[in-house]
Amino acid sequence: MEEFVIVKAVKKDLDTICMLFEEAILFQKMNNYIGWESYDRAYLQTDIENGLLYKIINKNEGICIFSICYRDELIWRKMEKGNALYLHRIVLNRRFKDGKVFIKVLNWAVDHARQNQLRYIRMDTWATNEKIIGYYKSYGFAFIENYTTPGSENLPLQHRNLNVALLEMNVDHYKKHTDFADANHTHAEVKMFQQVNIRREFSSINQYWSQRIIGQANGQLIKLAKGKGEINWHKHEDQDELFLIYNGHLTIQLREKNIELFKDEMFIVPKGVEHCPKANEETAFLIMGLNITSNLAGGRPASMENNGIE
């Protein structure tokens, strides 16, 4: 593994790259895994021509391929601020199914992001594949939200009209790993001793009612969010939901009364209780709960196009 080298793919690699996609799709179908149904050869060729498709080689044998980009407005929309490196279409040669390969990609991506003064590594994956989402989260990625991609010709064929989970990692919180065992150990240390700057995390949130995980304690996720306007009435049958106001004024509308929360005030909505948060001005708050609730089940309208942060 020490001899692995990451370099840009070239035109003559295209057939081999397509073969890796075909093998990956076959492997997913044979094992009933959620995954690709097809791949877009023309898009891969464009990635190569633009210097955005990389390969990992060891003694001239291809181990893995992946693509990058520096902007992704189609999927990340108003969250796109030009401060992230995006990892796409990671395909592993099945003969090298060792976890060390992804570590190699991730270490390279973090170094590349830091060299280009980018703050985040971002990925998207199948929203219904909980196993792969958990795998990426074990390396420090946080779940941001689920999103259905548009049918734009600017996306690869297999990525259009697809329900994806958006994942993000702050490169400042990443400690380089050397092998799979070290990755699991190091990640546990990072979670235990990670220092988080609340003000900085709030400043990087660029969509209202979208929750960002900043930590976990005793099975509870600690999340930050900004709100403005009103979302849908909803309830959570599986969890209480704690709101702690960092800045602004949040109204927790209940069926029988309203709870007015200001800076440094807290309220817990019991599980099963219908509620509807509302903010007349931009309000920043901390939430604690068992999972992400900023989705349709958590009250966000299906379309939040007018609820982004300019």
Protein backbone atom coordinates (compact mmCIF):
# COMPACT_ATOMS: atom_id res chain seq x y z
CA MET A 1 0.00 0.00 0.00
CA GLU A 2 2.94 2.33 0.61
CA GLU A 3 3.69 2.37 -3.14
CA PHE A 4 0.29 3.74 -4.11
CA VAL A 5 0.42 6.89 -6.25
CA ILE A 6 -2.44 9.24 -7.16
CA VAL A 7 -2.22 10.84 -10.60
CA LYS A 8 -4.60 12.31 -13.14
CA ALA A 9 -6.19 9.86 -15.55
CA VAL A 10 -5.41 10.22 -19.26
CA LYS A 11 -7.45 9.49 -22.39
CA LYS A 12 -6.03 6.00 -22.88
CA ASP A 13 -7.39 5.06 -19.43
CA LEU A 14 -11.03 5.51 -20.48
CA ASP A 15 -11.72 1.87 -21.44
CA THR A 16 -10.23 0.60 -18.19
CA ILE A 17 -12.21 3.16 -16.21
CA CYS A 18 -15.44 2.08 -17.91
CA MET A 19 -14.61 -1.55 -17.14
CA LEU A 20 -14.25 -0.67 -13.44
CA PHE A 21 -17.70 0.95 -13.51
CA GLU A 22 -19.20 -2.11 -15.19
CA GLU A 23 -17.63 -4.43 -12.63
CA ALA A 24 -18.85 -2.23 -9.78
CA ILE A 25 -22.42 -2.18 -11.12
CA LEU A 26 -22.38 -5.97 -11.57
CA PHE A 27 -21.04 -6.46 -8.04
CA GLN A 28 -23.77 -4.22 -6.59
CA LYS A 29 -26.53 -6.08 -8.45
CA MET A 30 -25.21 -9.55 -7.58
CA ASN A 31 -25.22 -8.60 -3.90
CA ASN A 32 -28.53 -6.69 -4.02
CA TYR A 33 -26.78 -3.50 -2.97
CA ILE A 34 -28.22 -0.06 -3.62
CA GLY A 35 -26.06 1.51 -6.30
CA TRP A 36 -25.64 2.59 -9.90
CA GLU A 37 -27.80 1.27 -12.71
CA SER A 38 -25.54 2.66 -15.44
CA TYR A 39 -22.68 5.06 -16.06
CA ASP A 40 -22.04 7.97 -18.42
CA ARG A 41 -18.98 7.30 -20.59
CA ALA A 42 -19.10 10.76 -22.21
CA TYR A 43 -19.11 12.44 -18.80
CA LEU A 44 -16.11 10.39 -17.68
CA GLN A 45 -14.27 11.42 -20.84
CA THR A 46 -15.04 15.08 -20.11
CA ASP A 47 -13.72 14.67 -16.56
CA ILE A 48 -10.48 13.27 -17.97
CA GLU A 49 -10.16 16.10 -20.48
CA ASN A 50 -10.72 18.68 -17.74
CA GLY A 51 -8.14 17.07 -15.44
CA LEU A 52 -10.76 16.19 -12.82
CA LEU A 53 -10.57 12.38 -12.88
CA TYR A 54 -7.82 10.75 -10.84
CA LYS A 55 -6.55 7.20 -10.52
CA ILE A 56 -4.65 5.37 -7.81
CA ILE A 57 -2.02 3.05 -9.19
CA ASN A 58 0.35 0.56 -7.60
CA LYS A 59 3.09 -0.86 -9.83
CA ASN A 60 1.15 0.36 -12.87
CA GLU A 61 -2.04 -1.45 -11.84
CA GLY A 62 -5.19 0.62 -11.40
CA ILE A 63 -6.57 0.37 -7.86
CA CYS A 64 -9.25 3.05 -7.71
CA ILE A 65 -10.62 6.02 -9.64
CA PHE A 66 -12.45 9.12 -8.45
CA SER A 67 -13.50 12.52 -9.76
CA ILE A 68 -13.36 15.92 -8.11
CA CYS A 69 -14.81 19.34 -8.74
CA TYR A 70 -14.61 22.71 -7.04
CA ARG A 71 -18.20 23.88 -7.44
CA ASP A 72 -21.49 21.97 -7.36
CA GLU A 73 -24.38 24.40 -7.54
CA LEU A 74 -26.73 21.83 -9.08
CA ILE A 75 -26.73 19.64 -5.98
CA TRP A 76 -25.58 21.94 -3.17
CA ARG A 77 -27.49 24.99 -4.46
CA LYS A 78 -27.20 28.02 -2.13
CA MET A 79 -24.86 26.09 0.15
CA GLU A 80 -22.25 26.46 -2.60
CA LYS A 81 -19.83 29.20 -1.50
CA GLY A 82 -16.70 28.18 -3.41
CA ASN A 83 -15.09 26.82 -0.23
CA ALA A 84 -15.34 23.06 -0.76
CA LEU A 85 -13.75 20.21 -2.67
CA TYR A 86 -16.26 17.66 -3.98
CA LEU A 87 -15.52 13.95 -4.28
CA HIS A 88 -17.56 12.07 -6.88
CA ARG A 89 -17.79 8.62 -8.46
CA ILE A 90 -15.29 6.71 -6.34
CA VAL A 91 -14.89 3.28 -7.93
CA LEU A 92 -12.68 0.59 -6.46
CA ASN A 93 -10.98 -2.24 -8.32
CA ARG A 94 -12.68 -5.20 -6.61
CA ARG A 95 -9.34 -6.99 -6.28
CA PHE A 96 -8.32 -4.25 -3.82
CA LYS A 97 -11.36 -4.05 -1.55
CA ASP A 98 -9.27 -3.02 1.45
CA GLY A 99 -10.48 -0.02 3.48
CA LYS A 100 -7.03 1.51 3.08
CA VAL A 101 -7.89 2.63 -0.46
CA PHE A 102 -10.58 5.08 0.67
CA ILE A 103 -8.21 6.41 3.31
CA LYS A 104 -5.75 7.14 0.53
CA VAL A 105 -8.40 9.08 -1.39
CA LEU A 106 -9.51 10.98 1.71
CA ASN A 107 -5.99 11.89 2.82
CA TRP A 108 -5.23 13.17 -0.67
CA ALA A 109 -8.50 15.14 -0.81
CA VAL A 110 -7.86 16.83 2.55
CA ASP A 111 -4.31 17.79 1.52
CA HIS A 112 -5.60 19.10 -1.81
CA ALA A 113 -8.34 21.11 -0.10
CA ARG A 114 -5.91 22.65 2.37
CA GLN A 115 -3.46 23.54 -0.39
CA ASN A 116 -6.26 25.33 -2.22
CA GLN A 117 -7.58 27.01 0.96
CA LEU A 118 -10.86 25.08 0.85
CA ARG A 119 -12.67 24.43 4.09
CA TYR A 120 -14.80 21.38 3.37
CA ILE A 121 -14.78 18.00 1.70
CA ARG A 122 -18.24 17.21 0.36
CA MET A 123 -19.78 14.06 -1.04
CA ASP A 124 -23.18 12.72 -1.96
CA THR A 125 -24.32 9.12 -1.89
CA TRP A 126 -27.54 7.14 -2.13
CA ALA A 127 -29.96 8.42 0.50
CA THR A 128 -31.42 4.97 1.11
CA ASN A 129 -28.07 3.22 1.58
CA GLU A 130 -27.67 3.59 5.35
CA LYS A 131 -24.64 1.30 5.41
CA ILE A 132 -22.52 3.46 3.11
CA ILE A 133 -23.69 6.65 4.83
CA GLY A 134 -22.56 5.19 8.15
CA TYR A 135 -19.26 4.18 6.56
CA TYR A 136 -18.50 7.74 5.45
CA LYS A 137 -19.66 9.15 8.78
CA SER A 138 -17.14 6.87 10.51
CA TYR A 139 -14.42 8.94 8.83
CA GLY A 140 -15.81 12.23 10.12
CA PHE A 141 -18.42 13.18 7.51
CA ALA A 142 -21.63 14.74 8.83
CA PHE A 143 -25.02 14.21 7.22
CA ILE A 144 -26.43 17.54 6.00
CA GLU A 145 -29.69 16.63 4.27
CA ASN A 146 -31.34 14.51 1.60
CA TYR A 147 -31.94 16.01 -1.83
CA THR A 148 -33.39 14.83 -5.14
CA THR A 149 -31.06 15.86 -7.95
CA PRO A 150 -32.43 17.64 -11.03
CA GLY A 151 -32.65 16.00 -14.45
CA SER A 152 -30.05 18.39 -15.83
CA GLU A 153 -27.81 17.41 -18.74
CA ASN A 154 -24.97 18.89 -16.71
CA LEU A 155 -25.13 15.83 -14.44
CA PRO A 156 -24.05 12.31 -15.42
CA LEU A 157 -26.94 10.13 -16.61
CA GLN A 158 -26.85 7.93 -13.52
CA HIS A 159 -26.96 10.96 -11.23
CA ARG A 160 -30.11 12.61 -12.56
CA ASN A 161 -33.37 12.57 -10.57
CA LEU A 162 -31.61 10.65 -7.82
CA ASN A 163 -32.37 10.84 -4.10
CA VAL A 164 -29.01 11.49 -2.46
CA ALA A 165 -27.67 12.16 1.02
CA LEU A 166 -25.37 15.18 1.23
CA LEU A 167 -22.29 14.67 3.42
CA GLU A 168 -19.72 17.21 4.57
CA MET A 169 -16.48 17.24 6.56
CA ASN A 170 -14.55 20.23 7.88
CA VAL A 171 -10.91 19.66 6.93
CA ASP A 172 -9.78 21.44 10.12
CA HIS A 173 -11.22 18.53 12.10
CA TYR A 174 -9.48 15.80 10.13
CA LYS A 175 -6.39 13.98 11.32
CA LYS A 176 -4.60 12.03 8.60
CA HIS A 177 -4.97 8.26 8.84
CA THR A 178 -2.41 5.61 7.92
CA ASP A 179 -4.49 2.44 7.84
CA PHE A 180 -8.00 1.18 8.54
CA ALA A 181 -7.48 0.32 12.22
CA ASP A 182 -5.85 3.68 12.83
CA ALA A 183 -8.75 5.40 11.09
CA ASN A 184 -11.32 3.95 13.46
CA HIS A 185 -9.16 4.68 16.52
CA THR A 186 -8.33 8.22 15.43
CA HIS A 187 -11.93 9.05 14.59
CA ALA A 188 -13.01 8.00 18.08
CA GLU A 189 -10.36 10.29 19.54
CA VAL A 190 -11.44 13.18 17.34
CA LYS A 191 -15.06 12.80 18.43
CA MET A 192 -14.05 12.64 22.08
CA PHE A 193 -11.65 15.59 22.14
CA GLN A 194 -12.82 17.75 19.22
CA GLN A 195 -13.03 21.45 20.02
CA VAL A 196 -15.80 23.22 18.08
CA ASN A 197 -16.05 26.95 17.48
CA ILE A 198 -19.82 27.55 17.60
CA ARG A 199 -19.69 31.01 16.05
CA ARG A 200 -17.61 29.77 13.10
CA GLU A 201 -19.90 26.80 12.51
CA PHE A 202 -22.97 29.04 12.48
CA SER A 203 -21.29 31.40 10.00
CA SER A 204 -20.84 28.55 7.53
CA ILE A 205 -24.52 27.46 7.56
CA ASN A 206 -26.07 28.81 4.38
CA GLN A 207 -29.55 27.29 4.26
CA TYR A 208 -32.37 27.89 6.69
CA TRP A 209 -33.79 24.94 8.64
CA SER A 210 -30.95 22.65 7.52
CA GLN A 211 -29.22 21.03 10.49
CA ARG A 212 -25.47 20.56 10.84
CA ILE A 213 -24.11 17.93 13.23
CA ILE A 214 -21.23 19.22 15.36
CA GLY A 215 -20.99 16.43 17.91
CA GLN A 216 -22.55 13.43 19.59
CA ALA A 217 -22.97 12.60 23.27
CA ASN A 218 -24.74 9.65 24.91
CA GLY A 219 -26.51 8.75 21.69
CA GLN A 220 -27.77 12.29 21.14
CA LEU A 221 -26.75 14.34 18.11
CA ILE A 222 -25.77 17.95 18.80
CA LYS A 223 -26.85 20.05 15.82
CA LEU A 224 -26.81 23.68 14.73
CA ALA A 225 -29.35 25.38 12.49
CA LYS A 226 -30.56 28.76 11.33
CA GLY A 227 -34.19 29.57 10.78
CA LYS A 228 -36.21 32.28 9.11
CA GLY A 229 -39.85 32.05 8.15
CA GLU A 230 -42.12 29.16 9.05
CA ILE A 231 -41.97 25.44 8.33
CA ASN A 232 -44.69 22.78 8.45
CA TRP A 233 -46.52 21.48 11.46
CA HIS A 234 -45.05 18.12 12.43
CA LYS A 235 -44.16 15.82 15.31
CA HIS A 236 -41.47 13.27 16.14
CA GLU A 237 -42.82 10.00 17.45
CA ASP A 238 -39.39 8.65 18.35
CA GLN A 239 -37.68 11.49 20.21
CA ASP A 240 -37.88 14.64 22.28
CA GLU A 241 -36.36 17.70 20.60
CA LEU A 242 -34.36 20.30 22.52
CA PHE A 243 -34.02 23.88 21.23
CA LEU A 244 -31.39 26.24 22.69
CA ILE A 245 -31.29 29.75 21.23
CA TYR A 246 -27.88 31.13 20.32
CA ASN A 247 -29.07 34.37 18.72
CA GLY A 248 -32.41 35.82 17.64
CA HIS A 249 -36.02 34.93 18.50
CA LEU A 250 -37.73 31.63 17.80
CA THR A 251 -41.40 30.90 18.32
CA ILE A 252 -42.23 27.25 18.96
CA GLN A 253 -45.88 27.07 17.99
CA LEU A 254 -47.80 24.35 19.80
CA ARG A 255 -51.47 23.56 19.23
CA GLU A 256 -52.47 24.93 22.64
CA LYS A 257 -49.96 27.81 22.99
CA ASN A 258 -46.80 29.45 21.67
CA ILE A 259 -43.39 29.27 23.34
CA GLU A 260 -41.32 32.44 22.77
CA LEU A 261 -37.59 31.74 22.97
CA PHE A 262 -34.85 34.36 23.00
CA LYS A 263 -31.05 34.24 23.31
CA ASP A 264 -29.84 31.81 26.02
CA GLU A 265 -33.30 30.28 26.49
CA MET A 266 -34.18 26.62 26.02
CA PHE A 267 -37.28 24.51 25.44
CA ILE A 268 -37.84 20.77 24.96
CA VAL A 269 -40.65 19.62 22.70
CA PRO A 270 -41.78 16.20 24.00
CA LYS A 271 -41.98 13.37 21.50
CA GLY A 272 -45.34 13.03 19.80
CA VAL A 273 -46.23 16.71 20.34
CA GLU A 274 -47.11 18.68 17.21
CA HIS A 275 -45.08 21.85 16.79
CA CYS A 276 -44.14 24.42 14.19
CA PRO A 277 -41.01 26.58 14.68
CA LYS A 278 -41.21 30.11 13.28
CA ALA A 279 -38.68 32.96 13.11
CA ASN A 280 -39.54 36.44 11.88
CA GLU A 281 -35.83 37.26 11.70
CA GLU A 282 -32.76 35.10 11.19
CA THR A 283 -32.35 33.01 14.31
CA ALA A 284 -29.50 30.67 15.22
CA PHE A 285 -30.14 27.76 17.56
CA LEU A 286 -28.78 24.46 18.83
CA ILE A 287 -30.85 21.29 18.68
CA MET A 288 -30.39 17.95 20.40
CA GLY A 289 -32.11 14.77 19.28
CA LEU A 290 -31.61 11.20 18.15
CA ASN A 291 -31.22 12.02 14.45
CA ILE A 292 -31.51 14.69 11.77
CA THR A 293 -35.03 16.15 11.65
CA SER A 294 -34.59 18.85 8.98
CA ASN A 295 -36.32 16.83 6.27
CA LEU A 296 -39.93 16.33 5.19
CA ALA A 297 -40.67 14.23 8.26
CA GLY A 298 -39.10 16.96 10.37
CA GLY A 299 -41.28 19.73 9.02
CA ARG A 300 -39.32 21.30 6.18
CA PRO A 301 -41.42 22.03 3.10
CA ALA A 302 -40.60 19.99 0.00
CA SER A 303 -39.21 23.10 -1.70
CA MET A 304 -36.95 25.42 0.26
CA GLU A 305 -35.82 27.51 -2.70
CA ASN A 306 -36.93 30.71 -1.03
CA ASN A 307 -35.45 29.80 2.30
CA GLY A 308 -31.79 29.93 1.42
CA ILE A 309 -29.41 32.47 2.88
CA GLU A 310 -28.20 35.07 0.40
